Amino acid sequence: MRADFFWSERYHPKAANTVALRGCYGAKKQRLLSLLAAYCGQAELYCAPLRPQQLAAVYLPDRDVIFADGDCLTALQADKELSLDGGCDWSALCGSSAALASIAAKVRVCDKKYARFFKAARLLQQSFSVLDKARLDRQKLRRCALRLCRKELPPQGGHIGLETRRMLSCMCGGGMATHFLTIARLCAVLIIIEDFAGAAGSALLQLIRGRALAGGTDVIFCPSPMDDSAAEFLFMPALMLGVCVCNRFHRPRALIAALEEGKRFERMRILRTERFYLPQAQQNLKQLRFLHRAQWELLEEASAALARRDKLLAAGEGIYAAAGRCEGLASLAAQALALAGLKT
């Protein structure tokens, strides 16, 4: 399934019309969202938080409309709703009510376990980010950012660029997931900043972002799922230019291999950041290594909870699929478009 970004409660598109699709879990809703995405060739597809295999929303920027899975995105504020329960066999669902209630209870347990471990991992990320930032050579960073911007960005215009924030990565049942094909789609020129500590790469990307916006270039900014204040990906669609930070969660070789499966870039540059760090005290190095090991163990527990949650949700969707019928998708798509004020 193709998707461009993860849906995030903080970083998601805003539209004049939002239509929530409710009821009838599983494949029928996924097919309906895919059908609505085909209505406009410039559609942006958003997968569900924590589940990259599930389509959660379709954004049509040319029509300023969002069609979303209202049951998956519970915090979504919808202007209109469309119920899909008309095609369900309710007698079959009533016979499985106990099984569905049990699945829902186990999913809640998995959610709490994931939230506990992921929150602890994020707190550790903040702890060693403070240690890394304290030993940055800011002057070298600024000089490097200035050279890159002079080479890659156009001369400054007379206006400030617009910034869009999206989530490109998310912790999922199989570990950290990233939409690599979105990078290949948005970029012809790619700059990879290899920084396993994390602080220098994020600081350098923030400096490039500031220069691009000041020069009138529109950007798509993608923060890290581990730290909202840390930058991870930056795209300038008008220039077909992207800047990516490779760290402990996004290894450079894996990133390049995933990207080059779908596309050959016009130009790719790898920038290493060891020279931007001041010498580290031995005591601090030991502390960082301990924090890194602890964080990996917490993330493994969080990932295991999400994997268990995915299996439970798949079982529940199987029950709904057995009670539902997939005909009438064209009629439902026409109703959804009519609710959004679009012509079929």
Protein backbone atom coordinates (compact mmCIF):
# COMPACT_ATOMS: atom_id res chain seq x y z
CA MET A 1 0.00 0.00 0.00
CA ARG A 2 1.34 3.42 -0.94
CA ALA A 3 1.42 6.10 1.75
CA ASP A 4 3.23 9.43 1.93
CA PHE A 5 3.29 10.28 5.65
CA PHE A 6 2.08 9.12 9.05
CA TRP A 7 -0.99 10.87 10.42
CA SER A 8 -0.11 12.86 13.53
CA GLU A 9 -2.44 14.73 15.84
CA ARG A 10 0.06 17.62 15.91
CA TYR A 11 1.30 17.58 12.30
CA HIS A 12 -1.49 16.88 9.84
CA PRO A 13 -3.10 18.85 7.01
CA LYS A 14 -5.95 21.26 7.66
CA ALA A 15 -8.80 21.39 5.15
CA ALA A 16 -12.03 23.32 4.66
CA ASN A 17 -14.00 20.05 4.55
CA THR A 18 -13.26 16.89 6.54
CA VAL A 19 -15.41 13.80 5.98
CA ALA A 20 -15.09 10.97 8.52
CA LEU A 21 -15.91 7.42 7.42
CA ARG A 22 -17.24 5.42 10.36
CA GLY A 23 -18.09 1.76 10.85
CA CYS A 24 -17.30 -1.35 8.81
CA TYR A 25 -13.70 -1.98 9.83
CA GLY A 26 -11.14 -3.63 7.60
CA ALA A 27 -10.70 -4.04 3.86
CA LYS A 28 -13.89 -2.30 2.76
CA LYS A 29 -12.90 1.04 4.29
CA GLN A 30 -9.35 0.70 2.95
CA ARG A 31 -10.68 0.12 -0.59
CA LEU A 32 -13.04 3.07 -0.27
CA LEU A 33 -10.20 5.41 0.82
CA SER A 34 -8.08 4.17 -2.11
CA LEU A 35 -10.98 4.84 -4.47
CA LEU A 36 -11.36 8.38 -3.11
CA ALA A 37 -7.61 8.95 -3.53
CA ALA A 38 -7.92 8.10 -7.21
CA TYR A 39 -10.39 11.01 -7.61
CA CYS A 40 -7.46 13.44 -7.64
CA GLY A 41 -4.00 12.69 -8.98
CA GLN A 42 -2.32 14.97 -6.40
CA ALA A 43 -3.74 13.18 -3.36
CA GLU A 44 -1.60 12.81 -0.23
CA LEU A 45 -2.03 9.48 1.57
CA TYR A 46 -1.61 9.15 5.32
CA CYS A 47 -1.25 5.84 7.10
CA ALA A 48 -2.49 5.21 10.62
CA PRO A 49 -0.37 6.16 13.63
CA LEU A 50 1.68 3.11 14.67
CA ARG A 51 0.36 1.03 11.70
CA PRO A 52 2.10 1.72 8.36
CA GLN A 53 0.05 -0.98 6.63
CA GLN A 54 -3.28 0.77 7.31
CA LEU A 55 -4.48 3.75 5.28
CA ALA A 56 -6.04 6.32 7.63
CA ALA A 57 -6.68 9.47 5.59
CA VAL A 58 -6.65 10.93 2.08
CA TYR A 59 -5.96 14.63 1.59
CA LEU A 60 -6.91 16.31 -1.71
CA PRO A 61 -4.98 19.62 -1.64
CA ASP A 62 -6.49 20.89 -4.91
CA ARG A 63 -10.01 20.41 -3.50
CA ASP A 64 -9.09 21.26 0.14
CA VAL A 65 -10.80 18.08 1.39
CA ILE A 66 -9.81 15.29 3.80
CA PHE A 67 -11.44 11.86 3.81
CA ALA A 68 -10.44 10.00 6.97
CA ASP A 69 -11.06 6.79 8.90
CA GLY A 70 -13.07 8.22 11.79
CA ASP A 71 -12.71 5.07 13.89
CA CYS A 72 -8.91 5.01 13.61
CA LEU A 73 -8.34 8.76 14.08
CA THR A 74 -10.44 9.19 17.21
CA ALA A 75 -9.28 12.79 17.85
CA LEU A 76 -10.28 13.92 14.36
CA GLN A 77 -12.68 16.87 14.22
CA ALA A 78 -14.89 16.11 11.23
CA ASP A 79 -17.30 18.46 9.51
CA LYS A 80 -19.42 15.60 8.16
CA GLU A 81 -19.72 11.85 8.69
CA LEU A 82 -20.62 8.90 6.49
CA SER A 83 -21.69 5.60 8.05
CA LEU A 84 -20.59 2.41 6.30
CA ASP A 85 -22.49 0.00 8.55
CA GLY A 86 -25.38 -0.50 6.12
CA GLY A 87 -23.65 -3.44 4.48
CA CYS A 88 -22.87 -5.36 7.71
CA ASP A 89 -24.54 -8.58 8.85
CA TRP A 90 -25.38 -7.53 12.40
CA SER A 91 -26.56 -11.00 13.43
CA ALA A 92 -23.08 -12.36 12.66
CA LEU A 93 -21.46 -9.55 14.65
CA CYS A 94 -23.73 -10.11 17.65
CA GLY A 95 -22.52 -13.71 17.82
CA SER A 96 -18.93 -12.45 18.05
CA SER A 97 -19.55 -9.66 20.56
CA ALA A 98 -17.66 -11.44 23.37
CA ALA A 99 -14.63 -12.01 21.15
CA LEU A 100 -14.65 -8.36 20.00
CA ALA A 101 -14.89 -7.11 23.60
CA SER A 102 -11.95 -9.33 24.60
CA ILE A 103 -9.87 -8.05 21.68
CA ALA A 104 -10.67 -4.42 22.57
CA ALA A 105 -9.59 -4.97 26.18
CA LYS A 106 -6.29 -6.59 25.13
CA VAL A 107 -5.62 -3.75 22.65
CA ARG A 108 -6.02 -1.23 25.48
CA VAL A 109 -3.46 -3.15 27.55
CA CYS A 110 -1.00 -3.11 24.63
CA ASP A 111 -1.57 0.63 24.13
CA LYS A 112 -0.76 1.34 27.78
CA LYS A 113 2.36 -0.83 27.68
CA TYR A 114 3.59 0.84 24.48
CA ALA A 115 2.92 4.34 25.84
CA ARG A 116 4.84 3.57 29.05
CA PHE A 117 7.97 2.20 27.33
CA PHE A 118 7.99 4.76 24.50
CA LYS A 119 7.65 7.67 26.92
CA ALA A 120 10.64 6.35 28.90
CA ALA A 121 12.68 6.00 25.69
CA ARG A 122 11.85 9.58 24.69
CA LEU A 123 12.94 10.85 28.10
CA LEU A 124 16.28 9.08 27.66
CA GLN A 125 16.60 10.66 24.20
CA GLN A 126 16.24 14.08 25.78
CA SER A 127 18.87 13.21 28.40
CA PHE A 128 21.66 12.35 26.00
CA SER A 129 20.62 15.08 23.56
CA VAL A 130 21.57 17.57 26.28
CA LEU A 131 24.99 15.91 26.59
CA ASP A 132 25.55 15.94 22.81
CA LYS A 133 24.47 19.56 22.36
CA ALA A 134 26.89 20.70 25.06
CA ARG A 135 29.89 19.63 22.95
CA LEU A 136 28.85 21.05 19.57
CA ASP A 137 31.18 23.41 17.73
CA ARG A 138 28.55 25.97 16.69
CA GLN A 139 30.89 28.06 14.55
CA LYS A 140 31.83 25.09 12.34
CA LEU A 141 28.16 24.18 12.00
CA ARG A 142 27.21 27.68 10.87
CA ARG A 143 30.05 27.81 8.32
CA CYS A 144 29.06 24.42 6.89
CA ALA A 145 25.38 25.41 6.66
CA LEU A 146 26.32 28.66 4.91
CA ARG A 147 28.41 26.81 2.29
CA LEU A 148 25.63 24.30 1.62
CA CYS A 149 22.98 27.01 1.28
CA ARG A 150 25.11 29.09 -1.09
CA LYS A 151 25.61 26.05 -3.29
CA GLU A 152 22.12 24.51 -3.22
CA LEU A 153 19.64 27.35 -2.58
CA PRO A 154 18.66 30.20 -4.91
CA PRO A 155 19.42 33.84 -4.00
CA GLN A 156 17.18 35.29 -1.32
CA GLY A 157 13.83 36.61 -2.53
CA GLY A 158 11.64 39.32 -1.10
CA HIS A 159 9.34 37.10 0.97
CA ILE A 160 9.41 34.41 3.66
CA GLY A 161 8.81 30.80 2.62
CA LEU A 162 5.99 28.65 4.00
CA GLU A 163 6.64 25.65 6.24
CA THR A 164 4.58 22.46 6.34
CA ARG A 165 5.16 19.92 9.12
CA ARG A 166 4.62 16.20 8.55
CA MET A 167 5.63 12.91 10.22
CA LEU A 168 7.71 10.72 7.93
CA SER A 169 8.81 8.20 10.59
CA CYS A 170 7.05 6.40 13.42
CA MET A 171 7.71 3.60 15.88
CA CYS A 172 5.73 0.52 14.73
CA GLY A 173 5.50 -3.17 15.50
CA GLY A 174 8.60 -3.95 13.42
CA GLY A 175 10.67 -1.06 14.83
CA MET A 176 11.15 2.42 13.38
CA ALA A 177 9.28 2.74 10.05
CA THR A 178 9.99 5.42 7.42
CA HIS A 179 8.26 6.23 4.13
CA PHE A 180 11.35 6.05 1.91
CA LEU A 181 9.36 6.31 -1.31
CA THR A 182 8.19 9.77 -0.26
CA ILE A 183 11.84 10.86 -0.17
CA ALA A 184 12.37 9.45 -3.67
CA ARG A 185 9.21 11.18 -4.94
CA LEU A 186 10.06 14.61 -3.54
CA CYS A 187 13.80 14.73 -4.25
CA ALA A 188 16.13 14.69 -7.25
CA VAL A 189 19.07 15.91 -5.17
CA LEU A 190 19.64 14.38 -1.73
CA ILE A 191 22.02 15.41 1.06
CA ILE A 192 22.50 12.75 3.74
CA ILE A 193 23.88 13.95 7.07
CA GLU A 194 25.46 10.98 8.84
CA ASP A 195 25.32 11.65 12.56
CA PHE A 196 24.91 8.78 15.01
CA ALA A 197 24.99 11.12 18.03
CA GLY A 198 22.10 13.11 16.57
CA ALA A 199 22.68 16.65 17.85
CA ALA A 200 24.93 17.98 15.05
CA GLY A 201 22.74 16.63 12.23
CA SER A 202 19.59 18.12 13.72
CA ALA A 203 21.28 21.49 14.38
CA LEU A 204 22.69 21.62 10.83
CA LEU A 205 19.31 20.78 9.31
CA GLN A 206 17.66 23.51 11.40
CA LEU A 207 20.19 26.07 10.10
CA ILE A 208 19.48 25.03 6.49
CA ARG A 209 15.74 25.25 7.17
CA GLY A 210 16.08 28.79 8.52
CA ARG A 211 18.11 29.91 5.50
CA ALA A 212 15.63 28.33 3.06
CA LEU A 213 12.61 29.98 4.70
CA ALA A 214 14.37 33.36 4.89
CA GLY A 215 15.14 33.08 1.17
CA GLY A 216 11.50 32.49 0.24
CA THR A 217 11.70 28.72 -0.34
CA ASP A 218 8.75 26.61 0.85
CA VAL A 219 9.79 23.59 2.93
CA ILE A 220 8.34 20.38 4.35
CA PHE A 221 9.82 19.82 7.81
CA CYS A 222 9.70 16.36 9.44
CA PRO A 223 10.56 16.19 13.17
CA SER A 224 11.88 13.07 14.86
CA PRO A 225 9.30 10.80 16.54
CA MET A 226 11.76 10.47 19.42
CA ASP A 227 12.11 14.22 20.03
CA ASP A 228 9.77 16.88 18.62
CA SER A 229 12.49 19.51 18.85
CA ALA A 230 14.93 17.45 16.75
CA ALA A 231 14.89 17.70 12.95
CA GLU A 232 15.09 14.51 10.88
CA PHE A 233 14.04 15.27 7.28
CA LEU A 234 13.73 18.50 5.31
CA PHE A 235 12.28 18.75 1.79
CA MET A 236 12.13 21.67 -0.65
CA PRO A 237 9.74 20.43 -3.36
CA ALA A 238 10.23 23.45 -5.67
CA LEU A 239 13.97 22.68 -5.82
CA MET A 240 13.53 18.87 -5.71
CA LEU A 241 16.03 18.99 -2.84
CA GLY A 242 16.00 16.91 0.33
CA VAL A 243 18.16 16.79 3.46
CA CYS A 244 18.04 13.66 5.63
CA VAL A 245 19.68 12.96 8.99
CA CYS A 246 20.96 9.39 9.31
CA ASN A 247 21.25 8.36 12.94
CA ARG A 248 20.95 5.24 15.08
CA PHE A 249 17.38 4.78 13.85
CA HIS A 250 18.05 5.43 10.14
CA ARG A 251 21.31 3.84 9.05
CA PRO A 252 22.84 5.45 5.93
CA ARG A 253 23.42 2.20 4.01
CA ALA A 254 19.88 0.98 4.68
CA LEU A 255 18.51 4.39 3.69
CA ILE A 256 20.44 4.53 0.41
CA ALA A 257 19.55 0.92 -0.47
CA ALA A 258 15.84 1.54 0.18
CA LEU A 259 15.87 4.74 -1.86
CA GLU A 260 17.79 3.42 -4.85
CA GLU A 261 15.39 0.49 -5.26
CA GLY A 262 12.83 2.92 -6.63
CA LYS A 263 14.88 5.79 -8.00
CA ARG A 264 18.33 6.97 -9.05
CA PHE A 265 19.07 10.47 -7.82
CA GLU A 266 20.66 13.13 -10.00
CA ARG A 267 23.05 13.87 -7.18
CA MET A 268 23.60 12.44 -3.71
CA ARG A 269 26.04 13.67 -1.07
CA ILE A 270 26.93 12.17 2.31
CA LEU A 271 28.11 14.62 4.96
CA ARG A 272 29.76 13.25 8.12
CA THR A 273 29.56 15.26 11.34
CA GLU A 274 32.44 14.04 13.55
CA ARG A 275 34.28 17.34 13.07
CA PHE A 276 31.39 19.32 14.56
CA TYR A 277 31.87 17.78 18.02
CA LEU A 278 34.34 18.88 20.65
CA PRO A 279 36.35 16.11 22.40
CA GLN A 280 34.23 14.08 24.79
CA ALA A 281 35.22 13.22 28.35
CA GLN A 282 35.60 9.49 29.01
CA GLN A 283 33.03 9.63 31.79
CA ASN A 284 30.44 11.15 29.48
CA LEU A 285 31.12 8.50 26.82
CA LYS A 286 30.39 5.72 29.30
CA GLN A 287 27.21 7.48 30.37
CA LEU A 288 26.06 7.85 26.75
CA ARG A 289 26.72 4.20 25.95
CA PHE A 290 24.68 3.15 28.98
CA LEU A 291 21.79 5.44 28.00
CA HIS A 292 21.84 4.11 24.41
CA ARG A 293 21.64 0.49 25.57
CA ALA A 294 18.81 1.31 27.96
CA GLN A 295 16.91 3.12 25.23
CA TRP A 296 17.20 0.22 22.78
CA GLU A 297 15.79 -2.16 25.40
CA LEU A 298 12.85 0.16 26.04
CA LEU A 299 12.17 0.53 22.31
CA GLU A 300 12.26 -3.24 21.84
CA GLU A 301 9.59 -3.61 24.53
CA ALA A 302 7.49 -0.86 22.92
CA SER A 303 7.85 -2.49 19.49
CA ALA A 304 6.84 -5.88 20.89
CA ALA A 305 3.69 -4.32 22.41
CA LEU A 306 2.80 -2.81 19.04
CA ALA A 307 3.38 -6.12 17.23
CA ARG A 308 0.98 -7.80 19.66
CA ARG A 309 -1.52 -4.95 19.11
CA ASP A 310 -1.32 -5.38 15.31
CA LYS A 311 -2.18 -9.09 15.61
CA LEU A 312 -5.18 -8.32 17.82
CA LEU A 313 -6.46 -5.63 15.47
CA ALA A 314 -6.04 -7.96 12.49
CA ALA A 315 -8.13 -10.58 14.30
CA GLY A 316 -10.87 -8.03 14.99
CA GLU A 317 -10.84 -6.81 11.40
CA GLY A 318 -11.21 -10.42 10.27
CA ILE A 319 -14.43 -10.73 12.28
CA TYR A 320 -15.83 -7.56 10.73
CA ALA A 321 -14.74 -8.66 7.25
CA ALA A 322 -16.68 -11.92 7.65
CA ALA A 323 -19.81 -9.94 8.56
CA GLY A 324 -19.44 -7.26 5.89
CA ARG A 325 -19.94 -7.05 2.17
CA CYS A 326 -17.63 -5.16 -0.16
CA GLU A 327 -20.11 -4.32 -2.90
CA GLY A 328 -21.43 -0.80 -3.33
CA LEU A 329 -18.05 0.95 -3.05
CA ALA A 330 -18.77 3.20 -6.04
CA SER A 331 -22.05 4.34 -4.45
CA LEU A 332 -20.34 5.01 -1.10
CA ALA A 333 -17.56 6.94 -2.85
CA ALA A 334 -20.20 9.08 -4.61
CA GLN A 335 -21.88 9.79 -1.26
CA ALA A 336 -18.56 10.77 0.34
CA LEU A 337 -17.72 13.12 -2.56
CA ALA A 338 -21.19 14.66 -2.35
CA LEU A 339 -20.75 15.31 1.39
CA ALA A 340 -17.48 17.11 0.59
CA GLY A 341 -19.21 19.21 -2.08
CA LEU A 342 -17.36 17.54 -4.98
CA LYS A 343 -18.84 16.40 -8.25
CA THR A 344 -18.47 12.75 -9.23
